[in-house]
Amino acid sequence: MVHYDEIVCYGGAGHAMVMLHAGEYHWKGKVKLRAVVDDRHNGMIHPQLGVPVISAEDRLESYADVPVFMGVGSPSACARIGARLRGEGATFASVPGRPELVHPTVKLGEGVIVAPHTRIGPNVRIGDFCQLLGDLIAHDVTVGDACHLGVHSSVLGNVTIGAQTNIAPHAVICNGAPGAPLTIGSGATVAVGAVVSRDLPDGSKVIGNPAMPVEDWAKLKALIADQ
């Protein structure tokens, strides 16, 4: 259920517009975009959205009480900006997804955006500022703050994902078990189409099926090229 009728969007580039489109499916014209906040490029009218592009200072001056919709594409930037906004007393607009696809036991943090096609099963906890565009988060999953799950990604049962992790489109996270969840550390990056079936430490960057560190993939490519 929506408990707000207006927002400002932090970020105005293509990623933010994708997230706003996901939100509009849920809002159905009942939520008005008042402004876009951009720390670097502001003082103009957004060419597609038709609203003012303002600075962070302008937001505090003119829209401090308007909920903030997080349209930032980088997990680390999303976490940093979200923490700053929270310190300024901001509230956050969440998009909880379609009720028929999101299990009633799911716990969503602040500022979470769930795409209208995303299915989330029982006993799932989602941290603040997450952006969930994937097909499935199955069951018994914990997702840390400011994680991004790309289009057509799937997280199967019994998985724990650390904060600020980026899971790219078509990636699959699997092989967790009750009492022994597969764990992905904080700040990890899982590349497009990668299949992760074992634990990853903090800051990992993996690619391929089965997923392996990017540097190992480069070595494998070099070996194949030498044959």
Protein backbone atom coordinates (compact mmCIF):
# COMPACT_ATOMS: atom_id res chain seq x y z
CA MET A 1 0.00 0.00 0.00
CA VAL A 2 1.25 3.49 -0.87
CA HIS A 3 1.38 5.92 2.07
CA TYR A 4 2.61 8.95 0.09
CA ASP A 5 1.30 10.96 -2.84
CA GLU A 6 4.44 12.80 -3.96
CA ILE A 7 8.16 12.08 -4.22
CA VAL A 8 11.48 13.53 -5.22
CA CYS A 9 13.78 11.15 -7.09
CA TYR A 10 17.46 11.01 -6.21
CA GLY A 11 19.11 10.57 -9.60
CA GLY A 12 17.79 11.43 -13.03
CA ALA A 13 19.76 9.29 -15.49
CA GLY A 14 18.56 6.20 -17.33
CA HIS A 15 18.69 3.90 -14.30
CA ALA A 16 16.50 6.26 -12.29
CA MET A 17 13.97 6.37 -15.11
CA VAL A 18 13.83 2.57 -15.18
CA MET A 19 13.17 2.52 -11.44
CA LEU A 20 10.52 5.23 -11.74
CA HIS A 21 8.80 3.17 -14.43
CA ALA A 22 8.75 0.20 -12.05
CA GLY A 23 7.28 2.46 -9.40
CA GLU A 24 4.59 3.81 -11.71
CA TYR A 25 3.23 0.30 -12.24
CA HIS A 26 2.54 0.28 -8.51
CA TRP A 27 1.44 3.93 -8.14
CA LYS A 28 -0.94 3.93 -11.12
CA GLY A 29 -0.80 7.72 -11.49
CA LYS A 30 -1.50 8.46 -7.82
CA VAL A 31 2.03 9.65 -6.93
CA LYS A 32 3.42 12.92 -8.29
CA LEU A 33 7.11 13.42 -9.03
CA ARG A 34 8.01 16.89 -7.74
CA ALA A 35 11.72 17.11 -8.58
CA VAL A 36 14.88 15.20 -9.45
CA VAL A 37 17.91 15.59 -7.19
CA ASP A 38 21.33 15.57 -8.85
CA ASP A 39 24.48 16.51 -6.95
CA ARG A 40 26.45 17.49 -10.06
CA HIS A 41 24.08 18.63 -12.81
CA ASN A 42 21.14 20.74 -11.69
CA GLY A 43 19.40 24.06 -12.25
CA MET A 44 17.37 22.90 -15.25
CA ILE A 45 14.18 21.10 -16.23
CA HIS A 46 14.60 17.38 -16.77
CA PRO A 47 14.14 16.84 -20.53
CA GLN A 48 12.07 13.65 -20.21
CA LEU A 49 10.43 13.98 -16.82
CA GLY A 50 9.53 17.66 -17.08
CA VAL A 51 10.34 18.51 -13.45
CA PRO A 52 13.09 20.68 -11.91
CA VAL A 53 16.53 19.13 -11.44
CA ILE A 54 17.72 20.45 -8.08
CA SER A 55 20.71 20.17 -5.77
CA ALA A 56 20.80 18.35 -2.44
CA GLU A 57 20.71 21.75 -0.72
CA ASP A 58 17.60 22.73 -2.69
CA ARG A 59 15.91 19.51 -1.60
CA LEU A 60 16.47 20.40 2.03
CA GLU A 61 15.19 23.92 1.49
CA SER A 62 12.10 23.19 -0.61
CA TYR A 63 11.23 19.48 -0.35
CA ALA A 64 12.54 18.31 3.03
CA ASP A 65 9.21 16.69 3.93
CA VAL A 66 8.70 14.95 0.58
CA PRO A 67 9.69 11.24 0.54
CA VAL A 68 12.83 10.41 -1.43
CA PHE A 69 12.74 7.73 -4.12
CA MET A 70 16.20 6.20 -4.57
CA GLY A 71 17.06 6.08 -8.28
CA VAL A 72 20.81 5.72 -7.83
CA GLY A 73 22.41 2.92 -9.85
CA SER A 74 25.55 2.18 -7.80
CA PRO A 75 25.07 0.13 -4.61
CA SER A 76 27.88 1.95 -2.79
CA ALA A 77 26.56 5.37 -3.84
CA CYS A 78 23.05 4.32 -2.87
CA ALA A 79 24.26 3.36 0.61
CA ARG A 80 26.28 6.56 1.02
CA ILE A 81 23.52 8.88 -0.17
CA GLY A 82 20.88 7.01 1.81
CA ALA A 83 22.91 7.38 5.02
CA ARG A 84 23.36 11.10 4.39
CA LEU A 85 19.67 11.61 3.67
CA ARG A 86 18.71 9.68 6.78
CA GLY A 87 20.98 11.94 8.81
CA GLU A 88 19.13 14.91 7.33
CA GLY A 89 15.82 13.48 8.51
CA ALA A 90 14.55 12.33 5.11
CA THR A 91 11.85 9.73 4.69
CA PHE A 92 11.96 7.23 1.84
CA ALA A 93 9.45 6.04 -0.73
CA SER A 94 9.28 2.26 -1.07
CA VAL A 95 7.71 0.18 -3.84
CA PRO A 96 6.71 -3.16 -2.27
CA GLY A 97 5.92 -5.13 -5.43
CA ARG A 98 2.71 -6.94 -6.36
CA PRO A 99 0.93 -8.49 -3.37
CA GLU A 100 0.14 -11.68 -5.28
CA LEU A 101 3.89 -12.21 -5.94
CA VAL A 102 5.37 -11.12 -2.60
CA HIS A 103 4.78 -13.51 0.30
CA PRO A 104 3.17 -11.90 3.37
CA THR A 105 6.09 -12.92 5.60
CA VAL A 106 8.58 -10.84 3.58
CA LYS A 107 10.25 -8.01 5.54
CA LEU A 108 11.24 -4.97 3.46
CA GLY A 109 13.53 -2.19 4.66
CA GLU A 110 13.22 1.52 3.91
CA GLY A 111 13.49 2.79 0.35
CA VAL A 112 13.22 -0.65 -1.24
CA ILE A 113 12.06 -0.93 -4.86
CA VAL A 114 10.56 -4.24 -5.99
CA ALA A 115 9.80 -4.59 -9.71
CA PRO A 116 6.25 -5.66 -10.64
CA HIS A 117 7.44 -9.01 -12.06
CA THR A 118 9.63 -9.99 -9.07
CA ARG A 119 8.45 -12.99 -7.04
CA ILE A 120 9.59 -13.19 -3.40
CA GLY A 121 8.87 -16.24 -1.28
CA PRO A 122 8.52 -16.82 2.46
CA ASN A 123 10.99 -15.92 5.19
CA VAL A 124 12.86 -13.31 3.16
CA ARG A 125 14.34 -10.17 4.68
CA ILE A 126 15.41 -7.27 2.44
CA GLY A 127 17.63 -4.45 3.74
CA ASP A 128 17.25 -0.72 3.18
CA PHE A 129 17.66 0.86 -0.28
CA CYS A 130 17.66 -2.42 -2.20
CA GLN A 131 16.59 -2.48 -5.84
CA LEU A 132 15.08 -5.81 -6.85
CA LEU A 133 14.54 -6.34 -10.57
CA GLY A 134 15.16 -10.09 -10.61
CA ASP A 135 12.70 -12.88 -11.39
CA LEU A 136 12.86 -14.75 -8.09
CA ILE A 137 14.01 -14.61 -4.48
CA ALA A 138 12.88 -18.04 -3.38
CA HIS A 139 12.75 -18.50 0.41
CA ASP A 140 14.82 -18.14 3.58
CA VAL A 141 16.97 -15.39 2.07
CA THR A 142 18.54 -12.34 3.71
CA VAL A 143 19.64 -9.45 1.49
CA GLY A 144 21.77 -6.71 3.07
CA ASP A 145 21.35 -2.97 2.62
CA ALA A 146 21.75 -1.28 -0.79
CA CYS A 147 21.96 -4.45 -2.88
CA HIS A 148 20.95 -4.45 -6.54
CA LEU A 149 19.52 -7.59 -8.15
CA GLY A 150 19.42 -7.29 -11.94
CA VAL A 151 16.72 -8.28 -14.40
CA HIS A 152 16.12 -12.06 -14.71
CA SER A 153 18.48 -12.86 -11.83
CA SER A 154 17.39 -15.63 -9.46
CA VAL A 155 18.27 -16.20 -5.81
CA LEU A 156 17.25 -19.68 -4.68
CA GLY A 157 16.57 -20.82 -1.14
CA ASN A 158 18.79 -20.45 1.93
CA VAL A 159 21.07 -17.63 0.80
CA THR A 160 22.59 -14.67 2.66
CA ILE A 161 23.79 -11.68 0.62
CA GLY A 162 25.95 -9.00 2.22
CA ALA A 163 25.38 -5.26 1.89
CA GLN A 164 26.13 -3.31 -1.29
CA THR A 165 26.33 -6.38 -3.49
CA ASN A 166 25.54 -6.08 -7.20
CA ILE A 167 24.04 -9.16 -8.86
CA ALA A 168 23.86 -8.61 -12.61
CA PRO A 169 21.09 -9.73 -15.01
CA HIS A 170 20.57 -13.48 -15.54
CA ALA A 171 22.87 -14.45 -12.65
CA VAL A 172 21.80 -17.41 -10.48
CA ILE A 173 22.63 -17.80 -6.78
CA CYS A 174 22.01 -21.35 -5.57
CA ASN A 175 23.09 -24.35 -3.49
CA GLY A 176 22.24 -23.08 -0.01
CA ALA A 177 20.78 -25.53 2.51
CA PRO A 178 18.71 -25.23 5.70
CA GLY A 179 21.09 -24.30 8.50
CA ALA A 180 23.95 -23.83 6.02
CA PRO A 181 23.04 -20.91 3.78
CA LEU A 182 25.19 -20.00 0.82
CA THR A 183 26.81 -16.69 1.75
CA ILE A 184 27.88 -13.84 -0.51
CA GLY A 185 30.01 -11.25 1.24
CA SER A 186 29.45 -7.51 1.28
CA GLY A 187 30.46 -5.44 -1.73
CA ALA A 188 30.55 -8.40 -4.10
CA THR A 189 29.91 -8.17 -7.84
CA VAL A 190 28.34 -11.10 -9.69
CA ALA A 191 28.59 -10.72 -13.47
CA VAL A 192 25.90 -11.22 -16.10
CA GLY A 193 24.83 -14.87 -16.32
CA ALA A 194 27.18 -16.10 -13.58
CA VAL A 195 26.11 -19.13 -11.54
CA VAL A 196 27.23 -18.90 -7.91
CA SER A 197 27.01 -22.21 -6.05
CA ARG A 198 29.52 -21.68 -3.23
CA ASP A 199 30.33 -18.95 -0.71
CA LEU A 200 31.99 -15.72 -1.84
CA PRO A 201 34.10 -13.49 0.43
CA ASP A 202 33.63 -9.74 0.79
CA GLY A 203 34.50 -7.74 -2.31
CA SER A 204 34.48 -10.71 -4.69
CA LYS A 205 34.13 -10.12 -8.43
CA VAL A 206 33.04 -13.28 -10.20
CA ILE A 207 32.06 -14.32 -13.70
CA GLY A 208 31.05 -17.48 -15.55
CA ASN A 209 29.38 -20.83 -14.90
CA PRO A 210 30.51 -21.98 -12.45
CA ALA A 211 31.35 -18.52 -11.13
CA MET A 212 35.04 -17.82 -10.62
CA PRO A 213 37.08 -14.72 -9.80
CA VAL A 214 37.48 -12.38 -12.77
CA GLU A 215 41.26 -12.76 -12.69
CA ASP A 216 40.96 -16.57 -12.89
CA TRP A 217 38.60 -16.23 -15.85
CA ALA A 218 41.18 -14.06 -17.60
CA LYS A 219 43.87 -16.71 -17.01
CA LEU A 220 41.56 -19.42 -18.36
CA LYS A 221 40.89 -17.40 -21.50
CA ALA A 222 44.62 -16.93 -22.00
CA LEU A 223 45.25 -20.68 -21.65
CA ILE A 224 42.56 -21.47 -24.20
CA ALA A 225 43.94 -18.88 -26.59
CA ASP A 226 47.39 -20.51 -26.37
CA GLN A 227 46.10 -23.93 -27.46
